[in-house]
Amino acid sequence: MDHEDRFVDIEIKLAHQEDLVETLNQTIYQQGRRIDQLEAMVAKLAEHVRTLQDGRQTPLNEKPPHY
C-alpha cells in the first residue's frame, strides 16, 4: 500500500468520524431538549399534586361518610 492509498484511507475514516460526531451532537441536543420538556412536566405535575393535597382535608385512607 503506497502513501496515497493510506492518505485516502485516513480521509475516509476521518469523514466517517466527522459524520459520527455530528450525529452524536444532534442526539445530545435532542435529548437535552427532551430532558428540559420532561423536567417542566414533572414540575407541573408536582405542583398539581401539591394543589390537590392542599385542597384535601381528609386523610387518603378515610372511608367516605356513606360507609
C-alpha atoms as a PDB file:
ATOM      1  CA  MET A   1       0.000   0.000   0.000  1.00  0.00           C
ATOM      2  CA  ASP A   2       1.529   3.281  -1.019  1.00  0.00           C
ATOM      3  CA  HIS A   3       1.308   6.640   0.704  1.00  0.00           C
ATOM      4  CA  GLU A   4      -1.564   7.866  -1.455  1.00  0.00           C
ATOM      5  CA  ASP A   5      -3.724   4.845  -0.585  1.00  0.00           C
ATOM      6  CA  ARG A   6      -3.001   5.321   3.101  1.00  0.00           C
ATOM      7  CA  PHE A   7      -3.879   9.001   2.812  1.00  0.00           C
ATOM      8  CA  VAL A   8      -7.194   8.151   1.109  1.00  0.00           C
ATOM      9  CA  ASP A   9      -7.985   5.598   3.836  1.00  0.00           C
ATOM     10  CA  ILE A  10      -7.276   8.187   6.522  1.00  0.00           C
ATOM     11  CA  GLU A  11      -9.503  10.728   4.765  1.00  0.00           C
ATOM     12  CA  ILE A  12     -12.327   8.181   4.545  1.00  0.00           C
ATOM     13  CA  LYS A  13     -12.007   7.306   8.227  1.00  0.00           C
ATOM     14  CA  LEU A  14     -11.928  10.992   9.144  1.00  0.00           C
ATOM     15  CA  ALA A  15     -15.074  11.660   7.100  1.00  0.00           C
ATOM     16  CA  HIS A  16     -16.869   8.812   8.889  1.00  0.00           C
ATOM     17  CA  GLN A  17     -15.754  10.114  12.280  1.00  0.00           C
ATOM     18  CA  GLU A  18     -16.894  13.638  11.455  1.00  0.00           C
ATOM     19  CA  ASP A  19     -20.299  12.254  10.461  1.00  0.00           C
ATOM     20  CA  LEU A  20     -20.485  10.235  13.672  1.00  0.00           C
ATOM     21  CA  VAL A  21     -19.573  13.250  15.803  1.00  0.00           C
ATOM     22  CA  GLU A  22     -22.274  15.337  14.089  1.00  0.00           C
ATOM     23  CA  THR A  23     -24.833  12.586  14.632  1.00  0.00           C
ATOM     24  CA  LEU A  24     -23.864  12.314  18.297  1.00  0.00           C
ATOM     25  CA  ASN A  25     -24.072  16.097  18.716  1.00  0.00           C
ATOM     26  CA  GLN A  26     -27.581  16.114  17.233  1.00  0.00           C
ATOM     27  CA  THR A  27     -28.626  13.264  19.509  1.00  0.00           C
ATOM     28  CA  ILE A  28     -27.276  15.019  22.583  1.00  0.00           C
ATOM     29  CA  TYR A  29     -29.007  18.261  21.599  1.00  0.00           C
ATOM     30  CA  GLN A  30     -32.338  16.488  21.080  1.00  0.00           C
ATOM     31  CA  GLN A  31     -32.011  14.591  24.348  1.00  0.00           C
ATOM     32  CA  GLY A  32     -31.223  17.836  26.180  1.00  0.00           C
ATOM     33  CA  ARG A  33     -34.373  19.416  24.787  1.00  0.00           C
ATOM     34  CA  ARG A  34     -36.414  16.364  25.756  1.00  0.00           C
ATOM     35  CA  ILE A  35     -34.959  16.416  29.276  1.00  0.00           C
ATOM     36  CA  ASP A  36     -35.959  20.077  29.579  1.00  0.00           C
ATOM     37  CA  GLN A  37     -39.501  19.206  28.468  1.00  0.00           C
ATOM     38  CA  LEU A  38     -39.724  16.307  30.905  1.00  0.00           C
ATOM     39  CA  GLU A  39     -38.416  18.425  33.783  1.00  0.00           C
ATOM     40  CA  ALA A  40     -41.090  21.020  33.044  1.00  0.00           C
ATOM     41  CA  MET A  41     -43.738  18.285  33.009  1.00  0.00           C
ATOM     42  CA  VAL A  42     -42.540  16.900  36.331  1.00  0.00           C
ATOM     43  CA  ALA A  43     -42.608  20.376  37.873  1.00  0.00           C
ATOM     44  CA  LYS A  44     -46.184  20.906  36.671  1.00  0.00           C
ATOM     45  CA  LEU A  45     -47.261  17.514  37.952  1.00  0.00           C
ATOM     46  CA  ALA A  46     -45.630  18.135  41.320  1.00  0.00           C
ATOM     47  CA  GLU A  47     -47.421  21.481  41.586  1.00  0.00           C
ATOM     48  CA  HIS A  48     -50.694  19.802  40.618  1.00  0.00           C
ATOM     49  CA  VAL A  49     -50.221  17.139  43.319  1.00  0.00           C
ATOM     50  CA  ARG A  50     -49.417  19.828  45.905  1.00  0.00           C
ATOM     51  CA  THR A  51     -52.560  21.718  44.910  1.00  0.00           C
ATOM     52  CA  LEU A  52     -54.657  18.574  45.245  1.00  0.00           C
ATOM     53  CA  GLN A  53     -53.133  17.757  48.627  1.00  0.00           C
ATOM     54  CA  ASP A  54     -53.680  21.298  49.895  1.00  0.00           C
ATOM     55  CA  GLY A  55     -57.353  21.136  48.910  1.00  0.00           C
ATOM     56  CA  ARG A  56     -57.892  17.757  50.565  1.00  0.00           C
ATOM     57  CA  GLN A  57     -58.718  17.911  54.247  1.00  0.00           C
ATOM     58  CA  THR A  58     -59.365  14.245  54.966  1.00  0.00           C
ATOM     59  CA  PRO A  59     -56.730  11.531  55.055  1.00  0.00           C
ATOM     60  CA  LEU A  60     -56.451   9.390  51.949  1.00  0.00           C
ATOM     61  CA  ASN A  61     -57.438   6.189  53.744  1.00  0.00           C
ATOM     62  CA  GLU A  62     -60.541   7.588  55.472  1.00  0.00           C
ATOM     63  CA  LYS A  63     -63.789   5.952  54.360  1.00  0.00           C
ATOM     64  CA  PRO A  64     -66.405   8.209  52.814  1.00  0.00           C
ATOM     65  CA  PRO A  65     -69.436   9.048  55.004  1.00  0.00           C
ATOM     66  CA  HIS A  66     -71.791   6.663  53.176  1.00  0.00           C
ATOM     67  CA  TYR A  67     -69.978   3.542  54.514  1.00  0.00           C
END
